[in-house]
C-alpha atoms as a PDB file:
ATOM      1  CA  MET A   1      11.232 148.074 174.355  1.00  0.00           C
ATOM      2  CA  THR A   2       9.327 145.374 172.200  1.00  0.00           C
ATOM      3  CA  SER A   3       6.759 147.563 171.337  1.00  0.00           C
ATOM      4  CA  ILE A   4       9.002 149.835 169.863  1.00  0.00           C
ATOM      5  CA  LEU A   5      10.647 147.693 166.793  1.00  0.00           C
ATOM      6  CA  THR A   6       7.138 146.560 166.206  1.00  0.00           C
ATOM      7  CA  ALA A   7       6.391 146.760 162.584  1.00  0.00           C
ATOM      8  CA  MET A   8       4.705 149.590 161.313  1.00  0.00           C
ATOM      9  CA  SER A   9       1.696 150.193 158.720  1.00  0.00           C
ATOM     10  CA  ASP A  10       4.152 150.444 155.787  1.00  0.00           C
ATOM     11  CA  THR A  11       2.012 152.417 153.641  1.00  0.00           C
ATOM     12  CA  PHE A  12       2.686 155.954 155.424  1.00  0.00           C
ATOM     13  CA  TYR A  13       5.966 155.327 154.104  1.00  0.00           C
ATOM     14  CA  THR A  14       5.280 154.590 150.317  1.00  0.00           C
ATOM     15  CA  LYS A  15       4.203 158.519 150.403  1.00  0.00           C
ATOM     16  CA  ARG A  16       7.772 160.199 151.103  1.00  0.00           C
ATOM     17  CA  ARG A  17       8.579 161.815 148.735  1.00  0.00           C
ATOM     18  CA  PHE A  18      11.592 162.841 148.988  1.00  0.00           C
ATOM     19  CA  VAL A  19      13.139 159.018 150.362  1.00  0.00           C
ATOM     20  CA  HIS A  20      14.695 157.040 147.500  1.00  0.00           C
ATOM     21  CA  HIS A  21      13.844 153.986 147.821  1.00  0.00           C
ATOM     22  CA  CYS A  22      17.073 152.863 145.840  1.00  0.00           C
ATOM     23  CA  ALA A  23      19.236 150.666 148.330  1.00  0.00           C
ATOM     24  CA  TRP A  24      17.564 148.661 150.363  1.00  0.00           C
ATOM     25  CA  CYS A  25      14.584 147.447 148.327  1.00  0.00           C
ATOM     26  CA  ALA A  26      16.462 146.838 144.711  1.00  0.00           C
ATOM     27  CA  ALA A  27      20.075 146.483 143.873  1.00  0.00           C
ATOM     28  CA  GLY A  28      25.740 150.600 140.934  1.00  0.00           C
ATOM     29  CA  LEU A  29      26.191 150.669 137.353  1.00  0.00           C
ATOM     30  CA  GLY A  30      29.652 151.991 136.618  1.00  0.00           C
ATOM     31  CA  LEU A  31      29.701 155.033 136.980  1.00  0.00           C
ATOM     32  CA  ALA A  32      29.357 157.224 133.477  1.00  0.00           C
ATOM     33  CA  GLY A  33      31.229 160.382 132.979  1.00  0.00           C
ATOM     34  CA  SER A  34      34.935 161.286 133.524  1.00  0.00           C
ATOM     35  CA  PRO A  35      36.236 162.374 136.966  1.00  0.00           C
ATOM     36  CA  ALA A  36      35.661 166.313 137.851  1.00  0.00           C
ATOM     37  CA  TRP A  37      39.151 166.009 139.961  1.00  0.00           C
ATOM     38  CA  ALA A  38      41.580 164.470 140.847  1.00  0.00           C
ATOM     39  CA  ARG A  39      41.467 163.454 144.805  1.00  0.00           C
ATOM     40  CA  GLU A  40      42.526 161.063 147.214  1.00  0.00           C
ATOM     41  CA  GLY A  41      39.346 158.579 147.235  1.00  0.00           C
ATOM     42  CA  VAL A  42      36.575 157.624 145.284  1.00  0.00           C
ATOM     43  CA  GLU A  43      36.113 159.628 141.799  1.00  0.00           C
ATOM     44  CA  VAL A  44      32.748 160.700 140.635  1.00  0.00           C
ATOM     45  CA  GLY A  45      30.946 163.106 138.257  1.00  0.00           C
ATOM     46  CA  LYS A  46      30.319 167.559 138.745  1.00  0.00           C
ATOM     47  CA  GLU A  47      27.428 168.065 140.267  1.00  0.00           C
ATOM     48  CA  SER A  48      24.248 168.164 138.353  1.00  0.00           C
ATOM     49  CA  ALA A  49      23.460 171.872 136.746  1.00  0.00           C
ATOM     50  CA  PHE A  50      19.584 170.624 137.313  1.00  0.00           C
ATOM     51  CA  ALA A  51      20.068 170.769 140.961  1.00  0.00           C
ATOM     52  CA  LYS A  52      20.475 174.659 140.783  1.00  0.00           C
ATOM     53  CA  LEU A  53      16.712 174.865 139.493  1.00  0.00           C
ATOM     54  CA  VAL A  54      15.333 174.721 142.880  1.00  0.00           C
ATOM     55  CA  PRO A  55      16.475 176.475 145.693  1.00  0.00           C
ATOM     56  CA  ALA A  56      18.352 174.046 148.492  1.00  0.00           C
ATOM     57  CA  THR A  57      16.844 176.078 150.819  1.00  0.00           C
ATOM     58  CA  GLU A  58      13.420 175.214 149.986  1.00  0.00           C
ATOM     59  CA  VAL A  59      14.346 171.491 149.660  1.00  0.00           C
ATOM     60  CA  GLU A  60      15.450 171.461 152.910  1.00  0.00           C
ATOM     61  CA  GLN A  61      12.744 172.839 154.338  1.00  0.00           C
ATOM     62  CA  SER A  62      10.240 170.803 152.533  1.00  0.00           C
ATOM     63  CA  ALA A  63      12.421 167.425 153.405  1.00  0.00           C
ATOM     64  CA  LEU A  64      12.578 169.246 157.191  1.00  0.00           C
ATOM     65  CA  GLN A  65       8.612 169.289 157.466  1.00  0.00           C
ATOM     66  CA  GLN A  66       8.265 165.862 155.899  1.00  0.00           C
ATOM     67  CA  TYR A  67      10.748 164.254 158.331  1.00  0.00           C
ATOM     68  CA  ARG A  68       9.052 165.942 161.562  1.00  0.00           C
ATOM     69  CA  GLN A  69       5.439 164.515 160.000  1.00  0.00           C
ATOM     70  CA  MET A  70       6.931 161.166 160.087  1.00  0.00           C
ATOM     71  CA  LEU A  71       8.220 161.097 163.525  1.00  0.00           C
ATOM     72  CA  GLN A  72       5.151 162.125 164.550  1.00  0.00           C
ATOM     73  CA  GLN A  73       3.621 159.246 163.131  1.00  0.00           C
ATOM     74  CA  ALA A  74       5.785 156.906 163.980  1.00  0.00           C
ATOM     75  CA  SER A  75       5.470 158.497 167.572  1.00  0.00           C
ATOM     76  CA  SER A  76       1.641 157.964 167.619  1.00  0.00           C
ATOM     77  CA  LYS A  77       2.109 154.621 167.139  1.00  0.00           C
ATOM     78  CA  ASN A  78       4.912 153.506 169.619  1.00  0.00           C
ATOM     79  CA  ALA A  79       7.287 152.890 166.888  1.00  0.00           C
ATOM     80  CA  LEU A  80      10.140 155.776 167.704  1.00  0.00           C
ATOM     81  CA  GLY A  81      12.687 154.314 169.202  1.00  0.00           C
ATOM     82  CA  PRO A  82      13.691 156.378 172.386  1.00  0.00           C
ATOM     83  CA  ASP A  83      16.718 158.412 172.795  1.00  0.00           C
ATOM     84  CA  ASN A  84      18.040 155.835 175.108  1.00  0.00           C
ATOM     85  CA  HIS A  85      17.285 152.660 173.180  1.00  0.00           C
ATOM     86  CA  PRO A  86      20.855 150.400 172.058  1.00  0.00           C
ATOM     87  CA  GLN A  87      19.922 150.798 168.372  1.00  0.00           C
ATOM     88  CA  VAL A  88      19.155 153.824 168.776  1.00  0.00           C
ATOM     89  CA  LEU A  89      22.510 155.424 170.342  1.00  0.00           C
ATOM     90  CA  ARG A  90      24.415 152.331 168.421  1.00  0.00           C
ATOM     91  CA  LEU A  91      23.428 154.607 165.217  1.00  0.00           C
ATOM     92  CA  ARG A  92      24.237 157.508 166.339  1.00  0.00           C
ATOM     93  CA  GLU A  93      27.550 157.413 167.188  1.00  0.00           C
ATOM     94  CA  ILE A  94      28.185 155.604 163.707  1.00  0.00           C
ATOM     95  CA  ALA A  95      26.602 159.555 162.533  1.00  0.00           C
ATOM     96  CA  ARG A  96      28.927 160.955 164.710  1.00  0.00           C
ATOM     97  CA  ARG A  97      31.951 159.610 163.577  1.00  0.00           C
ATOM     98  CA  ILE A  98      30.340 159.824 159.715  1.00  0.00           C
ATOM     99  CA  ILE A  99      29.228 163.372 159.370  1.00  0.00           C
ATOM    100  CA  PRO A 100      32.704 165.266 160.121  1.00  0.00           C
ATOM    101  CA  HIS A 101      34.002 163.583 156.759  1.00  0.00           C
ATOM    102  CA  SER A 102      30.885 164.923 155.143  1.00  0.00           C
ATOM    103  CA  HIS A 103      32.213 168.776 154.851  1.00  0.00           C
ATOM    104  CA  GLU A 104      34.035 168.168 151.892  1.00  0.00           C
ATOM    105  CA  TRP A 105      30.897 166.561 149.260  1.00  0.00           C
ATOM    106  CA  ASN A 106      29.350 169.833 150.514  1.00  0.00           C
ATOM    107  CA  PRO A 107      30.132 172.945 152.658  1.00  0.00           C
ATOM    108  CA  ARG A 108      26.246 173.597 153.281  1.00  0.00           C
ATOM    109  CA  ALA A 109      26.461 170.079 155.352  1.00  0.00           C
ATOM    110  CA  ARG A 110      28.414 172.270 158.126  1.00  0.00           C
ATOM    111  CA  GLU A 111      25.347 174.052 158.645  1.00  0.00           C
ATOM    112  CA  TRP A 112      22.606 171.298 158.327  1.00  0.00           C
ATOM    113  CA  LYS A 113      20.806 170.447 161.591  1.00  0.00           C
ATOM    114  CA  TRP A 114      21.784 166.271 161.134  1.00  0.00           C
ATOM    115  CA  GLU A 115      19.490 163.805 163.092  1.00  0.00           C
ATOM    116  CA  VAL A 116      19.430 160.275 163.705  1.00  0.00           C
ATOM    117  CA  ASN A 117      16.041 158.520 164.538  1.00  0.00           C
ATOM    118  CA  LEU A 118      14.677 154.557 164.181  1.00  0.00           C
ATOM    119  CA  ILE A 119      11.326 153.516 162.786  1.00  0.00           C
ATOM    120  CA  GLY A 120       9.785 150.353 163.967  1.00  0.00           C
ATOM    121  CA  SER A 121       8.956 148.511 160.759  1.00  0.00           C
ATOM    122  CA  ASN A 122       9.650 145.467 159.059  1.00  0.00           C
ATOM    123  CA  GLN A 123      11.205 147.458 155.732  1.00  0.00           C
ATOM    124  CA  ILE A 124      14.831 146.684 154.803  1.00  0.00           C
ATOM    125  CA  ASN A 125      15.263 150.428 154.455  1.00  0.00           C
ATOM    126  CA  ALA A 126      17.115 154.013 155.730  1.00  0.00           C
ATOM    127  CA  PHE A 127      17.712 157.206 154.084  1.00  0.00           C
ATOM    128  CA  CYS A 128      19.133 160.613 155.287  1.00  0.00           C
ATOM    129  CA  MET A 129      16.461 163.223 153.564  1.00  0.00           C
ATOM    130  CA  PRO A 130      18.349 166.969 152.446  1.00  0.00           C
ATOM    131  CA  GLY A 131      19.054 168.184 155.606  1.00  0.00           C
ATOM    132  CA  GLY A 132      20.679 165.514 157.238  1.00  0.00           C
ATOM    133  CA  LYS A 133      17.845 163.933 158.741  1.00  0.00           C
ATOM    134  CA  ILE A 134      18.773 160.611 158.685  1.00  0.00           C
ATOM    135  CA  ALA A 135      16.451 157.541 159.667  1.00  0.00           C
ATOM    136  CA  PHE A 136      16.972 153.546 159.855  1.00  0.00           C
ATOM    137  CA  PHE A 137      13.946 151.099 159.667  1.00  0.00           C
ATOM    138  CA  SER A 138      14.257 148.579 162.536  1.00  0.00           C
ATOM    139  CA  GLY A 139      13.839 145.616 159.444  1.00  0.00           C
ATOM    140  CA  ILE A 140      16.966 146.595 158.047  1.00  0.00           C
ATOM    141  CA  LEU A 141      19.288 145.964 161.355  1.00  0.00           C
ATOM    142  CA  LYS A 142      17.183 142.513 162.407  1.00  0.00           C
ATOM    143  CA  GLN A 143      16.829 141.113 159.102  1.00  0.00           C
ATOM    144  CA  LEU A 144      20.238 141.220 157.795  1.00  0.00           C
ATOM    145  CA  GLU A 145      21.646 141.100 160.946  1.00  0.00           C
ATOM    146  CA  LEU A 146      24.269 144.236 160.641  1.00  0.00           C
ATOM    147  CA  SER A 147      27.539 144.771 161.604  1.00  0.00           C
ATOM    148  CA  ASP A 148      28.580 148.238 162.631  1.00  0.00           C
ATOM    149  CA  ASP A 149      30.738 148.353 159.400  1.00  0.00           C
ATOM    150  CA  GLU A 150      27.994 147.386 157.371  1.00  0.00           C
ATOM    151  CA  VAL A 151      25.215 150.001 159.035  1.00  0.00           C
ATOM    152  CA  ALA A 152      28.309 152.527 158.298  1.00  0.00           C
ATOM    153  CA  MET A 153      27.997 151.502 154.333  1.00  0.00           C
ATOM    154  CA  VAL A 154      24.253 151.770 154.698  1.00  0.00           C
ATOM    155  CA  MET A 155      24.645 154.773 156.255  1.00  0.00           C
ATOM    156  CA  GLY A 156      27.027 156.653 154.363  1.00  0.00           C
ATOM    157  CA  HIS A 157      25.078 155.438 150.685  1.00  0.00           C
ATOM    158  CA  GLU A 158      22.054 157.499 152.444  1.00  0.00           C
ATOM    159  CA  VAL A 159      24.425 160.550 153.628  1.00  0.00           C
ATOM    160  CA  ALA A 160      25.743 160.654 149.793  1.00  0.00           C
ATOM    161  CA  HIS A 161      22.628 161.412 148.323  1.00  0.00           C
ATOM    162  CA  ALA A 162      21.713 163.940 150.336  1.00  0.00           C
ATOM    163  CA  LEU A 163      25.596 165.634 149.868  1.00  0.00           C
ATOM    164  CA  ARG A 164      25.207 165.452 146.582  1.00  0.00           C
ATOM    165  CA  GLU A 165      21.795 166.522 146.411  1.00  0.00           C
ATOM    166  CA  HIS A 166      19.879 163.519 144.437  1.00  0.00           C
ATOM    167  CA  ALA A 167      16.826 165.042 145.396  1.00  0.00           C
ATOM    168  CA  ARG A 168      17.216 168.473 144.684  1.00  0.00           C
ATOM    169  CA  GLU A 169      18.575 167.392 141.491  1.00  0.00           C
ATOM    170  CA  ARG A 170      15.670 165.384 140.419  1.00  0.00           C
ATOM    171  CA  MET A 171      13.481 168.140 141.267  1.00  0.00           C
ATOM    172  CA  GLY A 172      15.062 170.236 138.553  1.00  0.00           C
ATOM    173  CA  LYS A 173      14.896 167.534 136.111  1.00  0.00           C
ATOM    174  CA  THR A 174      11.458 167.281 136.278  1.00  0.00           C
ATOM    175  CA  ALA A 175      10.755 170.872 136.615  1.00  0.00           C
ATOM    176  CA  ALA A 176      13.111 171.099 133.299  1.00  0.00           C
ATOM    177  CA  THR A 177      11.444 168.411 131.469  1.00  0.00           C
ATOM    178  CA  GLN A 178       8.128 169.734 132.120  1.00  0.00           C
ATOM    179  CA  GLY A 179       9.123 173.109 131.374  1.00  0.00           C
ATOM    180  CA  LEU A 180      11.534 172.318 128.370  1.00  0.00           C
ATOM    181  CA  SER A 181       9.093 172.948 125.393  1.00  0.00           C
ATOM    182  CA  ARG A 182       8.245 176.566 126.721  1.00  0.00           C
ATOM    183  CA  LEU A 183      11.190 177.728 127.924  1.00  0.00           C
ATOM    184  CA  GLY A 184      12.600 177.398 124.484  1.00  0.00           C
ATOM    185  CA  GLY A 185      16.435 175.634 123.706  1.00  0.00           C
ATOM    186  CA  ALA A 186      18.597 178.747 124.107  1.00  0.00           C
ATOM    187  CA  VAL A 187      17.574 179.520 127.075  1.00  0.00           C
ATOM    188  CA  VAL A 188      17.761 175.936 128.835  1.00  0.00           C
ATOM    189  CA  ALA A 189      21.391 176.325 126.611  1.00  0.00           C
ATOM    190  CA  GLY A 190      22.338 179.379 128.329  1.00  0.00           C
ATOM    191  CA  ILE A 191      21.346 177.393 131.724  1.00  0.00           C
ATOM    192  CA  PHE A 192      23.468 173.801 131.329  1.00  0.00           C
ATOM    193  CA  GLY A 193      26.083 175.848 128.421  1.00  0.00           C
ATOM    194  CA  ILE A 194      24.963 173.208 125.653  1.00  0.00           C
ATOM    195  CA  ASP A 195      23.891 173.489 122.093  1.00  0.00           C
ATOM    196  CA  PRO A 196      20.628 175.691 121.414  1.00  0.00           C
ATOM    197  CA  ARG A 197      20.185 172.572 118.501  1.00  0.00           C
ATOM    198  CA  VAL A 198      20.926 169.561 121.033  1.00  0.00           C
ATOM    199  CA  THR A 199      17.904 171.337 123.458  1.00  0.00           C
ATOM    200  CA  ASP A 200      15.465 172.366 120.604  1.00  0.00           C
ATOM    201  CA  PHE A 201      16.194 168.779 119.726  1.00  0.00           C
ATOM    202  CA  VAL A 202      15.413 167.526 123.255  1.00  0.00           C
ATOM    203  CA  ALA A 203      11.856 169.531 123.184  1.00  0.00           C
ATOM    204  CA  ARG A 204      10.656 167.838 120.142  1.00  0.00           C
ATOM    205  CA  GLU A 205      11.259 164.537 120.405  1.00  0.00           C
ATOM    206  CA  GLY A 206      10.807 164.243 124.464  1.00  0.00           C
ATOM    207  CA  ALA A 207      12.419 165.746 127.228  1.00  0.00           C
ATOM    208  CA  ASN A 208      12.089 161.896 129.297  1.00  0.00           C
ATOM    209  CA  LEU A 209      15.437 161.146 127.738  1.00  0.00           C
ATOM    210  CA  LEU A 210      17.203 163.703 130.267  1.00  0.00           C
ATOM    211  CA  THR A 211      15.807 161.418 132.825  1.00  0.00           C
ATOM    212  CA  LEU A 212      16.774 158.027 131.249  1.00  0.00           C
ATOM    213  CA  LYS A 213      19.500 156.465 133.544  1.00  0.00           C
ATOM    214  CA  PHE A 214      19.177 158.983 136.565  1.00  0.00           C
ATOM    215  CA  SER A 215      18.206 156.347 139.050  1.00  0.00           C
ATOM    216  CA  ARG A 216      21.430 153.906 138.594  1.00  0.00           C
ATOM    217  CA  GLU A 217      23.791 156.568 138.238  1.00  0.00           C
ATOM    218  CA  ASP A 218      22.937 158.582 141.239  1.00  0.00           C
ATOM    219  CA  GLU A 219      23.019 155.040 143.554  1.00  0.00           C
ATOM    220  CA  THR A 220      26.493 154.284 142.179  1.00  0.00           C
ATOM    221  CA  GLU A 221      27.220 157.728 142.736  1.00  0.00           C
ATOM    222  CA  ALA A 222      26.237 157.161 146.450  1.00  0.00           C
ATOM    223  CA  ASP A 223      27.630 153.900 146.837  1.00  0.00           C
ATOM    224  CA  LEU A 224      31.344 155.115 145.903  1.00  0.00           C
ATOM    225  CA  VAL A 225      30.710 158.431 148.400  1.00  0.00           C
ATOM    226  CA  GLY A 226      29.188 156.404 151.137  1.00  0.00           C
ATOM    227  CA  MET A 227      32.091 153.672 150.934  1.00  0.00           C
ATOM    228  CA  GLU A 228      34.632 156.845 150.987  1.00  0.00           C
ATOM    229  CA  LEU A 229      32.578 158.501 154.029  1.00  0.00           C
ATOM    230  CA  ALA A 230      32.695 155.547 155.915  1.00  0.00           C
ATOM    231  CA  ALA A 231      36.214 154.634 155.637  1.00  0.00           C
ATOM    232  CA  ARG A 232      37.381 157.726 156.203  1.00  0.00           C
ATOM    233  CA  ALA A 233      35.412 157.415 159.654  1.00  0.00           C
ATOM    234  CA  GLY A 234      37.296 154.338 160.779  1.00  0.00           C
ATOM    235  CA  PHE A 235      34.572 151.818 158.949  1.00  0.00           C
ATOM    236  CA  ASP A 236      35.937 148.840 156.708  1.00  0.00           C
ATOM    237  CA  PRO A 237      34.709 150.152 153.405  1.00  0.00           C
ATOM    238  CA  ARG A 238      35.100 145.850 152.413  1.00  0.00           C
ATOM    239  CA  SER A 239      31.956 144.876 154.383  1.00  0.00           C
ATOM    240  CA  GLY A 240      30.285 146.919 151.212  1.00  0.00           C
ATOM    241  CA  VAL A 241      30.907 143.531 149.599  1.00  0.00           C
ATOM    242  CA  THR A 242      29.184 141.643 152.808  1.00  0.00           C
ATOM    243  CA  LEU A 243      26.239 143.823 152.630  1.00  0.00           C
ATOM    244  CA  TRP A 244      25.038 143.735 149.451  1.00  0.00           C
ATOM    245  CA  GLN A 245      25.403 140.146 149.373  1.00  0.00           C
ATOM    246  CA  LYS A 246      23.294 140.030 152.420  1.00  0.00           C
ATOM    247  CA  MET A 247      21.154 142.301 150.014  1.00  0.00           C
ATOM    248  CA  SER A 248      20.758 140.133 147.527  1.00  0.00           C
ATOM    249  CA  ALA A 249      19.866 137.172 148.940  1.00  0.00           C
ATOM    250  CA  ALA A 250      17.069 139.185 150.345  1.00  0.00           C
ATOM    251  CA  ASN A 251      15.705 140.102 147.285  1.00  0.00           C
ATOM    252  CA  LYS A 252      15.826 137.046 145.798  1.00  0.00           C
ATOM    253  CA  ASN A 253      12.920 137.864 143.332  1.00  0.00           C
ATOM    254  CA  ALA A 254      14.511 141.569 142.592  1.00  0.00           C
ATOM    255  CA  PRO A 255      14.104 141.664 138.725  1.00  0.00           C
ATOM    256  CA  PRO A 256      17.127 141.791 136.342  1.00  0.00           C
ATOM    257  CA  GLN A 257      19.294 144.373 136.339  1.00  0.00           C
ATOM    258  CA  TRP A 258      18.317 146.052 132.755  1.00  0.00           C
ATOM    259  CA  MET A 259      13.897 145.815 133.950  1.00  0.00           C
ATOM    260  CA  SER A 260      15.060 147.393 137.392  1.00  0.00           C
ATOM    261  CA  THR A 261      15.329 151.655 138.303  1.00  0.00           C
ATOM    262  CA  HIS A 262      17.970 150.505 140.116  1.00  0.00           C
ATOM    263  CA  PRO A 263      21.343 148.631 139.874  1.00  0.00           C
ATOM    264  CA  SER A 264      22.036 144.891 141.010  1.00  0.00           C
ATOM    265  CA  GLY A 265      23.822 143.867 143.925  1.00  0.00           C
ATOM    266  CA  ALA A 266      26.164 141.619 141.690  1.00  0.00           C
ATOM    267  CA  THR A 267      26.594 145.088 139.532  1.00  0.00           C
ATOM    268  CA  ARG A 268      26.738 146.911 142.779  1.00  0.00           C
ATOM    269  CA  ILE A 269      29.400 144.415 144.680  1.00  0.00           C
ATOM    270  CA  HIS A 270      32.121 144.104 141.694  1.00  0.00           C
ATOM    271  CA  GLU A 271      31.903 147.968 141.338  1.00  0.00           C
ATOM    272  CA  ILE A 272      32.432 148.478 145.116  1.00  0.00           C
ATOM    273  CA  GLU A 273      35.368 145.912 144.789  1.00  0.00           C
ATOM    274  CA  ALA A 274      36.852 148.128 141.849  1.00  0.00           C
ATOM    275  CA  ASN A 275      37.205 150.943 143.825  1.00  0.00           C
ATOM    276  CA  LEU A 276      38.495 149.602 147.320  1.00  0.00           C
ATOM    277  CA  PRO A 277      41.954 150.361 146.636  1.00  0.00           C
ATOM    278  CA  LYS A 278      41.417 153.842 146.541  1.00  0.00           C
ATOM    279  CA  VAL A 279      39.743 153.876 149.815  1.00  0.00           C
ATOM    280  CA  LEU A 280      41.180 150.796 152.018  1.00  0.00           C
ATOM    281  CA  PRO A 281      44.726 153.233 152.349  1.00  0.00           C
ATOM    282  CA  LEU A 282      41.517 155.884 153.715  1.00  0.00           C
ATOM    283  CA  TYR A 283      40.723 153.535 156.242  1.00  0.00           C
ATOM    284  CA  GLU A 284      43.665 152.424 157.650  1.00  0.00           C
ATOM    285  CA  ARG A 285      45.229 155.550 157.909  1.00  0.00           C
ATOM    286  CA  SER A 286      42.238 156.497 160.149  1.00  0.00           C
ATOM    287  CA  ARG A 287      42.345 153.638 162.487  1.00  0.00           C
ATOM    288  CA  ASN A 288      45.976 154.956 163.112  1.00  0.00           C
END
């Protein structure tokens, strides 16, 4: 089985358009905005209106095609974990426990054809594409020596990106920022429910302002939603702290938070600790 875990060339994986290189190669920031609703568990904002600019079915179909291509290339390099590989079985069991708790966050998740696969690569990375297509790289399991609780935090985080449709939102923001001047402020105001004078100003002064904090906010949201998913599935959410301690140690040369597209490990740990009281009761209940 050692050939399965042989490191693949990372060149191909840098071309994945839907994968956020977020979590596992950099470093949450405090979530901006007020809670959209009062509920048991973590609080996050409303779904972004930008996502509605791009049809979900088109995003998910494109993601499926890219996922299939990735698996084919991995298989051709003898780097796709077989169904009976111990780590594949482990990942799929953790996913089996997490997925039922995804439906509250996105009703479409009930219809997704979830998949979990292991790719032999030294990358410290994992992802969940739109539509529930999950992949872990062997590097994150081997180099960080993750416990099941820590794997669940990683998986919950990546699943949260898909549930909150961050890839779709990003595509919508790109479409909006590229076409804002042509659409005109009145049309955009109708879509987003904001003052046309504001959108006219943005169109004139630079639409890139709309995406300034996109990555950091989404990373924090995925941390929080992922932590809740893991807790409801019976995994200790306190493992998020040890996970990011390991991540920080593996990324000692990461740039300062204000220079990075992603929040620092220290900020992430602080945010996780601040939200533990909201999810620990869910974890304790799941164990009983």
